[in-house]
Amino acid sequence: MDYYTIEPEVAGELGEGTVMDTSVHPPCVSAVHYVITDWLGDDIIESFPCYLVTRRLAADLEASRLTGFRLDAARVTLSEGAADFGTSEVPAFRWLVVVGRPGEDDFGVLVNGQAVISERALQVLRAHTLDNCDIEPYNG
């Protein structure tokens, strides 16, 4: 099976409500607060080391038989300047917690925090908006 690295749109940053242990690498996150500053509309976004997906992509992931992830709650807010970039309402996102092994499970994360996904996972993602997501073959 083919695998790919992905670098989703960075639509903001982790907020002060994020609970993260930075004594390990990549940091271990137990709660996510994502502050959107400029969302261009992709269904998957990131801010190291976290990935978030829209509710519609989350529903398709839950219905799939893909491995190496779980979905959890995320607090998502808008920055004060978000309206200046055309983002005026908080979209509904879920936290995509990647727990799999890169190149083995459908979702995995490299030591540097970059996501590695299978061809099957990529097919699910491509059914959604990925206009600002870089996708490259993974040669692990």
N, C-alpha and C. Protein backbone atom coordinates (compact mmCIF):
# COMPACT_ATOMS: atom_id res chain seq x y z
N MET A 1 0.84 -1.17 0.00
CA MET A 1 0.00 0.00 0.00
C MET A 1 0.89 1.24 0.00
N ASP A 2 0.45 2.25 -0.72
CA ASP A 2 1.19 3.51 -0.77
C ASP A 2 0.83 4.38 0.43
N TYR A 3 1.80 5.19 0.87
CA TYR A 3 1.62 6.13 1.97
C TYR A 3 2.07 7.52 1.54
N TYR A 4 1.53 8.52 2.24
CA TYR A 4 1.79 9.91 1.90
C TYR A 4 2.01 10.73 3.16
N THR A 5 2.86 11.75 3.05
CA THR A 5 2.94 12.73 4.13
C THR A 5 2.00 13.86 3.76
N ILE A 6 1.38 14.44 4.78
CA ILE A 6 0.51 15.58 4.54
C ILE A 6 0.91 16.73 5.45
N GLU A 7 0.77 17.92 4.93
CA GLU A 7 0.97 19.14 5.70
C GLU A 7 -0.26 20.00 5.49
N PRO A 8 -1.25 19.86 6.39
CA PRO A 8 -2.50 20.61 6.24
C PRO A 8 -2.32 22.11 6.42
N GLU A 9 -3.36 22.82 6.04
CA GLU A 9 -3.43 24.27 6.23
C GLU A 9 -3.23 24.62 7.70
N VAL A 10 -2.41 25.62 7.97
CA VAL A 10 -2.27 26.17 9.32
C VAL A 10 -3.18 27.39 9.36
N ALA A 11 -4.32 27.24 10.03
CA ALA A 11 -5.35 28.29 10.04
C ALA A 11 -5.31 29.12 11.31
N GLY A 12 -4.36 28.83 12.17
CA GLY A 12 -4.27 29.55 13.44
C GLY A 12 -3.19 28.97 14.31
N GLU A 13 -3.44 29.01 15.60
CA GLU A 13 -2.44 28.53 16.55
C GLU A 13 -3.12 27.93 17.77
N LEU A 14 -2.35 27.20 18.54
CA LEU A 14 -2.88 26.64 19.77
C LEU A 14 -3.07 27.75 20.79
N GLY A 15 -4.22 27.74 21.45
CA GLY A 15 -4.55 28.78 22.41
C GLY A 15 -4.16 28.42 23.82
N GLU A 16 -4.38 29.35 24.72
CA GLU A 16 -3.97 29.17 26.11
C GLU A 16 -4.73 28.05 26.81
N GLY A 17 -5.84 27.60 26.25
CA GLY A 17 -6.58 26.49 26.83
C GLY A 17 -6.02 25.12 26.46
N THR A 18 -4.97 25.08 25.65
CA THR A 18 -4.33 23.82 25.28
C THR A 18 -3.52 23.30 26.46
N VAL A 19 -3.67 22.02 26.76
CA VAL A 19 -2.89 21.39 27.82
C VAL A 19 -1.87 20.48 27.13
N MET A 20 -0.58 20.80 27.32
CA MET A 20 0.46 20.11 26.57
C MET A 20 1.70 19.88 27.42
N ASP A 21 2.23 18.66 27.35
CA ASP A 21 3.49 18.31 28.01
C ASP A 21 4.60 18.47 26.99
N THR A 22 5.41 19.52 27.16
CA THR A 22 6.49 19.79 26.22
C THR A 22 7.81 19.14 26.63
N SER A 23 7.77 18.31 27.67
CA SER A 23 9.00 17.64 28.09
C SER A 23 9.32 16.45 27.18
N VAL A 24 8.40 16.08 26.29
CA VAL A 24 8.62 15.00 25.33
C VAL A 24 8.45 15.56 23.92
N HIS A 25 9.00 14.84 22.94
CA HIS A 25 8.87 15.29 21.56
C HIS A 25 8.36 14.15 20.69
N PRO A 26 7.32 14.35 19.89
CA PRO A 26 6.52 15.57 19.88
C PRO A 26 5.76 15.74 21.19
N PRO A 27 5.38 16.98 21.50
CA PRO A 27 4.67 17.23 22.76
C PRO A 27 3.42 16.37 22.88
N CYS A 28 3.08 16.00 24.09
CA CYS A 28 1.89 15.20 24.37
C CYS A 28 0.76 16.15 24.77
N VAL A 29 -0.30 16.15 24.00
CA VAL A 29 -1.42 17.07 24.22
C VAL A 29 -2.58 16.31 24.83
N SER A 30 -3.19 16.87 25.89
CA SER A 30 -4.35 16.23 26.50
C SER A 30 -5.63 17.06 26.34
N ALA A 31 -5.52 18.30 25.90
CA ALA A 31 -6.69 19.13 25.60
C ALA A 31 -6.27 20.17 24.56
N VAL A 32 -7.14 20.41 23.58
CA VAL A 32 -6.81 21.34 22.50
C VAL A 32 -7.73 22.55 22.51
N HIS A 33 -7.10 23.71 22.45
CA HIS A 33 -7.78 24.98 22.19
C HIS A 33 -7.11 25.55 20.96
N TYR A 34 -7.84 25.63 19.86
CA TYR A 34 -7.30 26.13 18.60
C TYR A 34 -7.90 27.50 18.33
N VAL A 35 -7.05 28.48 18.10
CA VAL A 35 -7.49 29.84 17.81
C VAL A 35 -7.31 30.10 16.32
N ILE A 36 -8.43 30.23 15.61
CA ILE A 36 -8.39 30.46 14.17
C ILE A 36 -8.10 31.94 13.90
N THR A 37 -7.09 32.16 13.05
CA THR A 37 -6.77 33.53 12.64
C THR A 37 -7.14 33.76 11.19
N ASP A 38 -6.97 32.74 10.35
CA ASP A 38 -7.22 32.89 8.91
C ASP A 38 -7.48 31.52 8.30
N TRP A 39 -8.73 31.10 8.29
CA TRP A 39 -9.09 29.78 7.76
C TRP A 39 -9.50 29.92 6.31
N LEU A 40 -8.85 29.17 5.42
CA LEU A 40 -9.13 29.23 3.99
C LEU A 40 -10.17 28.20 3.55
N GLY A 41 -10.64 27.37 4.48
CA GLY A 41 -11.75 26.47 4.17
C GLY A 41 -11.42 25.00 4.06
N ASP A 42 -10.18 24.60 4.26
CA ASP A 42 -9.85 23.17 4.19
C ASP A 42 -10.52 22.40 5.32
N ASP A 43 -10.81 21.13 5.06
CA ASP A 43 -11.48 20.29 6.04
C ASP A 43 -10.52 19.67 7.06
N ILE A 44 -9.23 19.85 6.86
CA ILE A 44 -8.24 19.43 7.86
C ILE A 44 -7.26 20.59 8.03
N ILE A 45 -7.00 20.93 9.28
CA ILE A 45 -6.07 22.02 9.60
C ILE A 45 -5.12 21.52 10.69
N GLU A 46 -4.05 22.27 10.93
CA GLU A 46 -3.10 21.86 11.95
C GLU A 46 -2.46 23.05 12.63
N SER A 47 -1.90 22.77 13.77
CA SER A 47 -0.95 23.62 14.46
C SER A 47 -0.14 22.65 15.30
N PHE A 48 1.13 22.55 15.04
CA PHE A 48 1.98 21.53 15.66
C PHE A 48 1.72 21.47 17.16
N PRO A 49 1.49 20.28 17.69
CA PRO A 49 1.43 18.97 17.07
C PRO A 49 0.02 18.44 16.85
N CYS A 50 -0.96 19.31 16.63
CA CYS A 50 -2.37 18.90 16.59
C CYS A 50 -2.98 19.05 15.19
N TYR A 51 -3.88 18.12 14.90
CA TYR A 51 -4.66 18.14 13.67
C TYR A 51 -6.13 18.23 14.04
N LEU A 52 -6.87 19.04 13.30
CA LEU A 52 -8.31 19.16 13.50
C LEU A 52 -9.00 18.92 12.17
N VAL A 53 -10.21 18.35 12.23
CA VAL A 53 -11.00 18.09 11.03
C VAL A 53 -12.40 18.64 11.24
N THR A 54 -13.02 19.06 10.14
CA THR A 54 -14.38 19.54 10.22
C THR A 54 -15.30 18.38 10.63
N ARG A 55 -16.47 18.73 11.12
CA ARG A 55 -17.42 17.69 11.53
C ARG A 55 -17.80 16.77 10.37
N ARG A 56 -17.90 17.33 9.15
CA ARG A 56 -18.27 16.46 8.03
C ARG A 56 -17.17 15.47 7.69
N LEU A 57 -15.90 15.89 7.76
CA LEU A 57 -14.80 14.95 7.55
C LEU A 57 -14.73 13.96 8.72
N ALA A 58 -14.95 14.45 9.93
CA ALA A 58 -14.94 13.56 11.10
C ALA A 58 -15.99 12.46 10.94
N ALA A 59 -17.17 12.81 10.43
CA ALA A 59 -18.23 11.81 10.24
C ALA A 59 -17.79 10.73 9.24
N ASP A 60 -17.13 11.14 8.16
CA ASP A 60 -16.64 10.16 7.18
C ASP A 60 -15.53 9.30 7.76
N LEU A 61 -14.66 9.90 8.57
CA LEU A 61 -13.59 9.11 9.20
C LEU A 61 -14.19 8.10 10.18
N GLU A 62 -15.19 8.53 10.95
CA GLU A 62 -15.83 7.60 11.89
C GLU A 62 -16.51 6.45 11.17
N ALA A 63 -17.05 6.71 9.99
CA ALA A 63 -17.74 5.67 9.22
C ALA A 63 -16.76 4.74 8.49
N SER A 64 -15.51 5.17 8.35
CA SER A 64 -14.51 4.37 7.66
C SER A 64 -13.99 3.27 8.59
N ARG A 65 -13.23 2.39 8.02
CA ARG A 65 -12.58 1.34 8.82
C ARG A 65 -11.08 1.61 8.91
N LEU A 66 -10.73 2.89 8.88
CA LEU A 66 -9.32 3.29 8.93
C LEU A 66 -8.78 3.13 10.34
N THR A 67 -7.47 2.92 10.43
CA THR A 67 -6.81 2.67 11.71
C THR A 67 -5.84 3.80 12.05
N GLY A 68 -5.46 3.87 13.32
CA GLY A 68 -4.40 4.77 13.75
C GLY A 68 -4.85 6.15 14.20
N PHE A 69 -6.14 6.32 14.48
CA PHE A 69 -6.62 7.62 14.93
C PHE A 69 -7.83 7.43 15.84
N ARG A 70 -8.12 8.51 16.56
CA ARG A 70 -9.39 8.63 17.26
C ARG A 70 -9.80 10.09 17.17
N LEU A 71 -11.05 10.36 17.36
CA LEU A 71 -11.55 11.73 17.32
C LEU A 71 -11.94 12.16 18.72
N ASP A 72 -11.65 13.40 19.04
CA ASP A 72 -11.93 13.92 20.37
C ASP A 72 -12.44 15.36 20.23
N ALA A 73 -12.89 15.90 21.33
CA ALA A 73 -13.39 17.28 21.34
C ALA A 73 -12.24 18.27 21.25
N ALA A 74 -12.52 19.40 20.66
CA ALA A 74 -11.56 20.50 20.58
C ALA A 74 -12.32 21.80 20.81
N ARG A 75 -11.72 22.69 21.56
CA ARG A 75 -12.28 24.03 21.72
C ARG A 75 -11.69 24.88 20.61
N VAL A 76 -12.57 25.49 19.81
CA VAL A 76 -12.13 26.31 18.68
C VAL A 76 -12.74 27.70 18.84
N THR A 77 -11.88 28.72 18.78
CA THR A 77 -12.33 30.10 18.88
C THR A 77 -11.69 30.91 17.75
N LEU A 78 -12.20 32.11 17.57
CA LEU A 78 -11.65 33.02 16.56
C LEU A 78 -10.75 34.05 17.23
N SER A 79 -9.66 34.40 16.58
CA SER A 79 -8.82 35.48 17.08
C SER A 79 -9.56 36.80 16.87
N GLU A 80 -9.09 37.83 17.54
CA GLU A 80 -9.72 39.14 17.39
C GLU A 80 -9.66 39.64 15.95
N GLY A 81 -8.61 39.30 15.23
CA GLY A 81 -8.45 39.77 13.86
C GLY A 81 -9.00 38.84 12.80
N ALA A 82 -9.61 37.73 13.19
CA ALA A 82 -10.08 36.75 12.22
C ALA A 82 -11.06 37.34 11.22
N ALA A 83 -11.94 38.23 11.66
CA ALA A 83 -12.92 38.83 10.76
C ALA A 83 -12.24 39.64 9.65
N ASP A 84 -11.06 40.17 9.93
CA ASP A 84 -10.31 40.92 8.92
C ASP A 84 -9.89 40.03 7.76
N PHE A 85 -9.83 38.72 8.00
CA PHE A 85 -9.45 37.76 6.96
C PHE A 85 -10.65 37.06 6.35
N GLY A 86 -11.86 37.50 6.71
CA GLY A 86 -13.08 36.91 6.16
C GLY A 86 -13.62 35.74 6.96
N THR A 87 -12.99 35.41 8.07
CA THR A 87 -13.49 34.34 8.93
C THR A 87 -14.32 34.99 10.02
N SER A 88 -15.64 34.76 9.98
CA SER A 88 -16.50 35.46 10.92
C SER A 88 -17.27 34.55 11.86
N GLU A 89 -17.30 33.26 11.58
CA GLU A 89 -17.96 32.36 12.52
C GLU A 89 -17.08 31.16 12.80
N VAL A 90 -17.25 30.59 13.98
CA VAL A 90 -16.42 29.47 14.39
C VAL A 90 -16.94 28.19 13.73
N PRO A 91 -16.14 27.59 12.87
CA PRO A 91 -16.56 26.32 12.28
C PRO A 91 -16.47 25.19 13.31
N ALA A 92 -17.26 24.16 13.12
CA ALA A 92 -17.25 23.02 14.04
C ALA A 92 -16.13 22.06 13.64
N PHE A 93 -15.17 21.89 14.52
CA PHE A 93 -14.04 20.99 14.28
C PHE A 93 -13.97 19.94 15.38
N ARG A 94 -13.36 18.80 15.04
CA ARG A 94 -13.02 17.77 16.01
C ARG A 94 -11.50 17.59 15.96
N TRP A 95 -10.96 17.17 17.08
CA TRP A 95 -9.52 16.92 17.18
C TRP A 95 -9.24 15.54 16.62
N LEU A 96 -8.37 15.46 15.63
CA LEU A 96 -7.93 14.19 15.05
C LEU A 96 -6.67 13.77 15.79
N VAL A 97 -6.83 12.84 16.71
CA VAL A 97 -5.71 12.37 17.52
C VAL A 97 -5.08 11.19 16.79
N VAL A 98 -3.87 11.38 16.29
CA VAL A 98 -3.19 10.33 15.52
C VAL A 98 -2.38 9.47 16.47
N VAL A 99 -2.69 8.18 16.51
CA VAL A 99 -2.05 7.25 17.45
C VAL A 99 -1.37 6.08 16.75
N GLY A 100 -1.45 6.04 15.42
CA GLY A 100 -0.92 4.89 14.68
C GLY A 100 0.56 5.00 14.36
N ARG A 101 1.06 3.95 13.73
CA ARG A 101 2.45 3.87 13.31
C ARG A 101 2.57 4.26 11.84
N PRO A 102 3.47 5.20 11.51
CA PRO A 102 3.62 5.64 10.12
C PRO A 102 4.03 4.48 9.21
N GLY A 103 3.37 4.37 8.08
CA GLY A 103 3.70 3.33 7.13
C GLY A 103 3.12 1.97 7.47
N GLU A 104 2.38 1.87 8.57
CA GLU A 104 1.72 0.61 8.96
C GLU A 104 0.22 0.81 9.11
N ASP A 105 -0.17 1.80 9.91
CA ASP A 105 -1.59 2.11 10.09
C ASP A 105 -2.01 3.14 9.04
N ASP A 106 -3.32 3.38 8.95
CA ASP A 106 -3.81 4.37 7.99
C ASP A 106 -3.41 5.79 8.37
N PHE A 107 -3.26 6.05 9.67
CA PHE A 107 -2.76 7.34 10.16
C PHE A 107 -1.60 7.09 11.11
N GLY A 108 -0.54 7.84 10.92
CA GLY A 108 0.61 7.77 11.82
C GLY A 108 1.29 9.13 11.85
N VAL A 109 2.19 9.31 12.79
CA VAL A 109 2.92 10.57 12.91
C VAL A 109 4.40 10.28 13.06
N LEU A 110 5.21 11.00 12.28
CA LEU A 110 6.66 10.88 12.39
C LEU A 110 7.15 11.60 13.64
N VAL A 111 8.40 11.37 14.01
CA VAL A 111 8.98 12.00 15.20
C VAL A 111 8.91 13.52 15.13
N ASN A 112 8.98 14.07 13.91
CA ASN A 112 8.90 15.53 13.76
C ASN A 112 7.47 16.05 13.80
N GLY A 113 6.49 15.16 13.99
CA GLY A 113 5.10 15.56 14.10
C GLY A 113 4.33 15.54 12.79
N GLN A 114 5.00 15.22 11.69
CA GLN A 114 4.33 15.20 10.39
C GLN A 114 3.47 13.95 10.25
N ALA A 115 2.26 14.14 9.73
CA ALA A 115 1.33 13.02 9.55
C ALA A 115 1.69 12.21 8.31
N VAL A 116 1.53 10.89 8.45
CA VAL A 116 1.70 9.95 7.34
C VAL A 116 0.38 9.20 7.23
N ILE A 117 -0.20 9.19 6.03
CA ILE A 117 -1.48 8.53 5.83
C ILE A 117 -1.41 7.53 4.69
N SER A 118 -2.28 6.56 4.74
CA SER A 118 -2.34 5.54 3.70
C SER A 118 -3.12 6.05 2.50
N GLU A 119 -3.03 5.32 1.41
CA GLU A 119 -3.82 5.63 0.21
C GLU A 119 -5.31 5.62 0.55
N ARG A 120 -5.73 4.67 1.38
CA ARG A 120 -7.15 4.58 1.77
C ARG A 120 -7.58 5.83 2.54
N ALA A 121 -6.73 6.29 3.45
CA ALA A 121 -7.05 7.51 4.21
C ALA A 121 -7.08 8.72 3.29
N LEU A 122 -6.16 8.77 2.34
CA LEU A 122 -6.10 9.89 1.40
C LEU A 122 -7.39 9.96 0.57
N GLN A 123 -7.93 8.80 0.20
CA GLN A 123 -9.18 8.79 -0.55
C GLN A 123 -10.32 9.42 0.25
N VAL A 124 -10.37 9.15 1.54
CA VAL A 124 -11.41 9.75 2.40
C VAL A 124 -11.18 11.26 2.48
N LEU A 125 -9.94 11.68 2.69
CA LEU A 125 -9.65 13.12 2.79
C LEU A 125 -9.95 13.83 1.47
N ARG A 126 -9.64 13.20 0.35
CA ARG A 126 -9.83 13.86 -0.96
C ARG A 126 -11.30 14.04 -1.32
N ALA A 127 -12.20 13.40 -0.60
CA ALA A 127 -13.62 13.63 -0.82
C ALA A 127 -14.06 14.95 -0.19
N HIS A 128 -13.12 15.65 0.42
CA HIS A 128 -13.37 16.92 1.11
C HIS A 128 -12.42 17.98 0.57
N THR A 129 -12.48 19.18 1.12
CA THR A 129 -11.64 20.28 0.65
C THR A 129 -10.23 20.17 1.23
N LEU A 130 -9.24 20.12 0.34
CA LEU A 130 -7.82 20.03 0.71
C LEU A 130 -6.99 21.01 -0.12
N ASP A 131 -7.56 22.14 -0.48
CA ASP A 131 -6.89 23.07 -1.39
C ASP A 131 -5.55 23.59 -0.88
N ASN A 132 -5.36 23.62 0.43
CA ASN A 132 -4.13 24.19 1.01
C ASN A 132 -3.32 23.15 1.78
N CYS A 133 -3.51 21.89 1.43
CA CYS A 133 -2.82 20.77 2.08
C CYS A 133 -1.76 20.22 1.14
N ASP A 134 -0.51 20.22 1.57
CA ASP A 134 0.57 19.64 0.77
C ASP A 134 0.58 18.13 0.99
N ILE A 135 0.62 17.38 -0.11
CA ILE A 135 0.60 15.92 -0.08
C ILE A 135 1.78 15.41 -0.90
N GLU A 136 2.62 14.60 -0.28
CA GLU A 136 3.81 14.06 -0.95
C GLU A 136 3.90 12.56 -0.69
N PRO A 137 4.45 11.78 -1.63
CA PRO A 137 4.67 10.36 -1.36
C PRO A 137 5.61 10.17 -0.16
N TYR A 138 5.33 9.17 0.65
CA TYR A 138 6.15 8.85 1.81
C TYR A 138 7.02 7.65 1.47
N ASN A 139 8.32 7.81 1.67
CA ASN A 139 9.27 6.74 1.35
C ASN A 139 9.94 6.24 2.63
N GLY A 140 9.14 5.95 3.65
CA GLY A 140 9.66 5.55 4.95
C GLY A 140 10.52 4.39 4.91
